[in-house]
Amino acid sequence: MKTIITESVEETYECARVFAKENVRGGRILCLQGDLGGGKTTFAQGVLQTCGAQGPYTSPTFTIMKEYIISTQEVNKIYHIDAYRIDADDMVELGWYDIISDEKVFVIVEWPEKIQNIIPDRAMYIFCDWISSSKHKYTSDNL
């Protein structure tokens, strides 16, 4: 496991940029797990920005899921999902299995523990921790 501590939004975006360049590929799933304020959404925003998704990059807390059209050779859509207010049955009704089976789609899931039983073993995890108002810790094998 590798751990990175960031001390600003810009540093979190840089961490996400490095991650995205190495790991954003079609058919992959990124799970961002951690408490409120852990930096999950900021990390997701950095990935979206790096991939050229059209902003604004707001958390899909109330909409549950946002779709971003991008144009790379490997990926044509990124889904950003916030599972905080739903369960696995809700996510299945929203088209989960179609989304994760599309080889041109990259998926980011915040609060994956809420839908853990439908997340495939191939998913990548980054554990996000709040240290202070400006510091966050990111831990993963994929950083």
C-alpha atoms as a PDB file:
ATOM      1  CA  MET A   1       0.000   0.000   0.000  1.00  0.00           C
ATOM      2  CA  LYS A   2       1.144   3.487  -0.803  1.00  0.00           C
ATOM      3  CA  THR A   3       0.069   6.564   1.174  1.00  0.00           C
ATOM      4  CA  ILE A   4       0.061  10.156  -0.073  1.00  0.00           C
ATOM      5  CA  ILE A   5      -0.742  13.137   2.131  1.00  0.00           C
ATOM      6  CA  THR A   6      -1.977  16.257   0.372  1.00  0.00           C
ATOM      7  CA  GLU A   7      -2.078  19.713   1.928  1.00  0.00           C
ATOM      8  CA  SER A   8      -4.233  21.570  -0.611  1.00  0.00           C
ATOM      9  CA  VAL A   9      -6.845  21.054  -3.316  1.00  0.00           C
ATOM     10  CA  GLU A  10      -4.093  21.565  -5.892  1.00  0.00           C
ATOM     11  CA  GLU A  11      -2.002  18.767  -4.373  1.00  0.00           C
ATOM     12  CA  THR A  12      -5.044  16.468  -4.334  1.00  0.00           C
ATOM     13  CA  TYR A  13      -5.676  17.279  -8.009  1.00  0.00           C
ATOM     14  CA  GLU A  14      -2.037  16.455  -8.783  1.00  0.00           C
ATOM     15  CA  CYS A  15      -2.348  13.122  -6.973  1.00  0.00           C
ATOM     16  CA  ALA A  16      -5.547  12.415  -8.941  1.00  0.00           C
ATOM     17  CA  ARG A  17      -3.850  13.459 -12.200  1.00  0.00           C
ATOM     18  CA  VAL A  18      -1.047  10.945 -11.676  1.00  0.00           C
ATOM     19  CA  PHE A  19      -3.593   8.263 -10.769  1.00  0.00           C
ATOM     20  CA  ALA A  20      -5.756   9.040 -13.830  1.00  0.00           C
ATOM     21  CA  LYS A  21      -2.880   8.899 -16.295  1.00  0.00           C
ATOM     22  CA  GLU A  22      -1.937   5.437 -15.045  1.00  0.00           C
ATOM     23  CA  ASN A  23      -5.343   3.914 -14.303  1.00  0.00           C
ATOM     24  CA  VAL A  24      -8.265   5.445 -16.212  1.00  0.00           C
ATOM     25  CA  ARG A  25      -9.150   2.768 -18.755  1.00  0.00           C
ATOM     26  CA  GLY A  26     -12.433   1.472 -20.074  1.00  0.00           C
ATOM     27  CA  GLY A  27     -14.114  -1.196 -17.995  1.00  0.00           C
ATOM     28  CA  ARG A  28     -12.457  -0.089 -14.762  1.00  0.00           C
ATOM     29  CA  ILE A  29     -14.047   0.987 -11.484  1.00  0.00           C
ATOM     30  CA  LEU A  30     -12.521   3.303  -8.886  1.00  0.00           C
ATOM     31  CA  CYS A  31     -13.987   3.136  -5.389  1.00  0.00           C
ATOM     32  CA  LEU A  32     -13.263   6.091  -3.117  1.00  0.00           C
ATOM     33  CA  GLN A  33     -13.899   5.060   0.460  1.00  0.00           C
ATOM     34  CA  GLY A  34     -13.706   7.213   3.578  1.00  0.00           C
ATOM     35  CA  ASP A  35     -15.605   9.387   6.006  1.00  0.00           C
ATOM     36  CA  LEU A  36     -17.300  12.702   5.275  1.00  0.00           C
ATOM     37  CA  GLY A  37     -14.674  15.302   4.483  1.00  0.00           C
ATOM     38  CA  GLY A  38     -12.111  12.667   3.541  1.00  0.00           C
ATOM     39  CA  GLY A  39     -11.409  14.199   0.140  1.00  0.00           C
ATOM     40  CA  LYS A  40     -13.297  11.714  -2.035  1.00  0.00           C
ATOM     41  CA  THR A  41     -15.078  14.303  -4.168  1.00  0.00           C
ATOM     42  CA  THR A  42     -11.956  16.437  -4.560  1.00  0.00           C
ATOM     43  CA  PHE A  43     -10.034  13.394  -5.778  1.00  0.00           C
ATOM     44  CA  ALA A  44     -12.847  12.525  -8.208  1.00  0.00           C
ATOM     45  CA  GLN A  45     -12.840  16.112  -9.491  1.00  0.00           C
ATOM     46  CA  GLY A  46      -9.119  15.839 -10.188  1.00  0.00           C
ATOM     47  CA  VAL A  47      -9.656  12.641 -12.177  1.00  0.00           C
ATOM     48  CA  LEU A  48     -12.502  14.218 -14.164  1.00  0.00           C
ATOM     49  CA  GLN A  49     -10.474  17.329 -14.920  1.00  0.00           C
ATOM     50  CA  THR A  50      -7.479  15.259 -16.040  1.00  0.00           C
ATOM     51  CA  CYS A  51      -9.668  13.238 -18.403  1.00  0.00           C
ATOM     52  CA  GLY A  52     -11.111  16.359 -20.029  1.00  0.00           C
ATOM     53  CA  ALA A  53     -14.649  16.010 -18.696  1.00  0.00           C
ATOM     54  CA  GLN A  54     -16.786  19.123 -19.012  1.00  0.00           C
ATOM     55  CA  GLY A  55     -17.250  20.814 -15.608  1.00  0.00           C
ATOM     56  CA  PRO A  56     -18.567  21.815 -13.220  1.00  0.00           C
ATOM     57  CA  TYR A  57     -17.534  18.760 -11.228  1.00  0.00           C
ATOM     58  CA  THR A  58     -20.008  18.755  -8.394  1.00  0.00           C
ATOM     59  CA  SER A  59     -20.698  15.843  -6.108  1.00  0.00           C
ATOM     60  CA  PRO A  60     -23.675  13.755  -7.265  1.00  0.00           C
ATOM     61  CA  THR A  61     -24.887  13.514  -3.663  1.00  0.00           C
ATOM     62  CA  PHE A  62     -28.525  14.237  -4.513  1.00  0.00           C
ATOM     63  CA  THR A  63     -28.593  13.165  -8.155  1.00  0.00           C
ATOM     64  CA  ILE A  64     -26.794   9.908  -7.242  1.00  0.00           C
ATOM     65  CA  MET A  65     -25.020   9.657 -10.607  1.00  0.00           C
ATOM     66  CA  LYS A  66     -23.488  12.039 -13.146  1.00  0.00           C
ATOM     67  CA  GLU A  67     -22.399  11.080 -16.621  1.00  0.00           C
ATOM     68  CA  TYR A  68     -19.470  12.855 -18.270  1.00  0.00           C
ATOM     69  CA  ILE A  69     -18.775  12.427 -21.964  1.00  0.00           C
ATOM     70  CA  ILE A  70     -15.080  12.415 -22.762  1.00  0.00           C
ATOM     71  CA  SER A  71     -13.167  11.552 -25.883  1.00  0.00           C
ATOM     72  CA  THR A  72     -10.117   9.415 -25.427  1.00  0.00           C
ATOM     73  CA  GLN A  73      -9.207   6.302 -27.312  1.00  0.00           C
ATOM     74  CA  GLU A  74      -9.891   4.127 -24.275  1.00  0.00           C
ATOM     75  CA  VAL A  75     -12.863   5.828 -22.605  1.00  0.00           C
ATOM     76  CA  ASN A  76     -15.893   7.730 -23.899  1.00  0.00           C
ATOM     77  CA  LYS A  77     -17.812   8.142 -20.617  1.00  0.00           C
ATOM     78  CA  ILE A  78     -17.084   8.520 -16.951  1.00  0.00           C
ATOM     79  CA  TYR A  79     -19.828   7.887 -14.429  1.00  0.00           C
ATOM     80  CA  HIS A  80     -19.416   9.553 -11.037  1.00  0.00           C
ATOM     81  CA  ILE A  81     -21.659   7.844  -8.502  1.00  0.00           C
ATOM     82  CA  ASP A  82     -22.368   8.844  -4.907  1.00  0.00           C
ATOM     83  CA  ALA A  83     -23.897   5.802  -3.213  1.00  0.00           C
ATOM     84  CA  TYR A  84     -24.328   7.457   0.207  1.00  0.00           C
ATOM     85  CA  ARG A  85     -28.152   7.613  -0.004  1.00  0.00           C
ATOM     86  CA  ILE A  86     -28.839   4.361  -1.856  1.00  0.00           C
ATOM     87  CA  ASP A  87     -28.364   0.635  -1.601  1.00  0.00           C
ATOM     88  CA  ALA A  88     -27.364  -2.046  -4.086  1.00  0.00           C
ATOM     89  CA  ASP A  89     -30.946  -2.626  -5.300  1.00  0.00           C
ATOM     90  CA  ASP A  90     -31.300   1.078  -6.133  1.00  0.00           C
ATOM     91  CA  MET A  91     -28.022   1.044  -8.045  1.00  0.00           C
ATOM     92  CA  VAL A  92     -29.042  -2.038 -10.019  1.00  0.00           C
ATOM     93  CA  GLU A  93     -32.265  -0.233 -11.024  1.00  0.00           C
ATOM     94  CA  LEU A  94     -30.160   2.690 -12.259  1.00  0.00           C
ATOM     95  CA  GLY A  95     -28.399   0.384 -14.722  1.00  0.00           C
ATOM     96  CA  TRP A  96     -25.335  -0.664 -12.738  1.00  0.00           C
ATOM     97  CA  TYR A  97     -24.631  -3.876 -14.645  1.00  0.00           C
ATOM     98  CA  ASP A  98     -24.917  -2.186 -18.050  1.00  0.00           C
ATOM     99  CA  ILE A  99     -22.608   0.606 -16.901  1.00  0.00           C
ATOM    100  CA  ILE A 100     -19.869  -1.626 -15.509  1.00  0.00           C
ATOM    101  CA  SER A 101     -19.943  -3.996 -18.472  1.00  0.00           C
ATOM    102  CA  ASP A 102     -19.261  -1.228 -21.012  1.00  0.00           C
ATOM    103  CA  GLU A 103     -15.610  -1.462 -22.073  1.00  0.00           C
ATOM    104  CA  LYS A 104     -15.528   2.267 -22.941  1.00  0.00           C
ATOM    105  CA  VAL A 105     -16.716   3.453 -19.514  1.00  0.00           C
ATOM    106  CA  PHE A 106     -14.742   4.362 -16.393  1.00  0.00           C
ATOM    107  CA  VAL A 107     -16.709   4.459 -13.123  1.00  0.00           C
ATOM    108  CA  ILE A 108     -15.962   6.408  -9.950  1.00  0.00           C
ATOM    109  CA  VAL A 109     -17.947   5.368  -6.863  1.00  0.00           C
ATOM    110  CA  GLU A 110     -17.995   7.347  -3.632  1.00  0.00           C
ATOM    111  CA  TRP A 111     -19.285   5.432  -0.590  1.00  0.00           C
ATOM    112  CA  PRO A 112     -18.763   1.988  -2.204  1.00  0.00           C
ATOM    113  CA  GLU A 113     -19.455   0.260   1.105  1.00  0.00           C
ATOM    114  CA  LYS A 114     -23.152   1.098   0.590  1.00  0.00           C
ATOM    115  CA  ILE A 115     -23.266  -1.101  -2.547  1.00  0.00           C
ATOM    116  CA  GLN A 116     -20.357  -3.422  -1.768  1.00  0.00           C
ATOM    117  CA  ASN A 117     -22.167  -6.631  -2.718  1.00  0.00           C
ATOM    118  CA  ILE A 118     -22.473  -5.558  -6.385  1.00  0.00           C
ATOM    119  CA  ILE A 119     -18.968  -4.160  -6.857  1.00  0.00           C
ATOM    120  CA  PRO A 120     -16.823  -6.587  -8.826  1.00  0.00           C
ATOM    121  CA  ASP A 121     -13.509  -7.864  -7.451  1.00  0.00           C
ATOM    122  CA  ARG A 122     -11.649  -6.006 -10.218  1.00  0.00           C
ATOM    123  CA  ALA A 123     -12.477  -2.613  -8.649  1.00  0.00           C
ATOM    124  CA  MET A 124      -9.629  -0.377  -7.471  1.00  0.00           C
ATOM    125  CA  TYR A 125      -9.897   1.212  -4.023  1.00  0.00           C
ATOM    126  CA  ILE A 126      -8.476   4.412  -2.630  1.00  0.00           C
ATOM    127  CA  PHE A 127      -9.031   5.005   1.078  1.00  0.00           C
ATOM    128  CA  CYS A 128      -9.487   8.713   1.825  1.00  0.00           C
ATOM    129  CA  ASP A 129      -8.927  10.174   5.294  1.00  0.00           C
ATOM    130  CA  TRP A 130      -9.399  13.663   6.705  1.00  0.00           C
ATOM    131  CA  ILE A 131      -6.400  14.798   8.715  1.00  0.00           C
ATOM    132  CA  SER A 132      -7.215  18.495   9.089  1.00  0.00           C
ATOM    133  CA  SER A 133      -9.078  21.213   7.194  1.00  0.00           C
ATOM    134  CA  SER A 134      -6.339  21.315   4.568  1.00  0.00           C
ATOM    135  CA  LYS A 135      -4.751  17.835   4.861  1.00  0.00           C
ATOM    136  CA  HIS A 136      -5.997  14.543   3.443  1.00  0.00           C
ATOM    137  CA  LYS A 137      -4.460  11.102   3.329  1.00  0.00           C
ATOM    138  CA  TYR A 138      -4.948   8.768   0.356  1.00  0.00           C
ATOM    139  CA  THR A 139      -3.967   5.101   0.644  1.00  0.00           C
ATOM    140  CA  SER A 140      -4.058   2.544  -2.168  1.00  0.00           C
ATOM    141  CA  ASP A 141      -2.094   0.041  -4.194  1.00  0.00           C
ATOM    142  CA  ASN A 142      -3.031   2.133  -7.253  1.00  0.00           C
ATOM    143  CA  LEU A 143      -1.383   5.446  -6.318  1.00  0.00           C
END
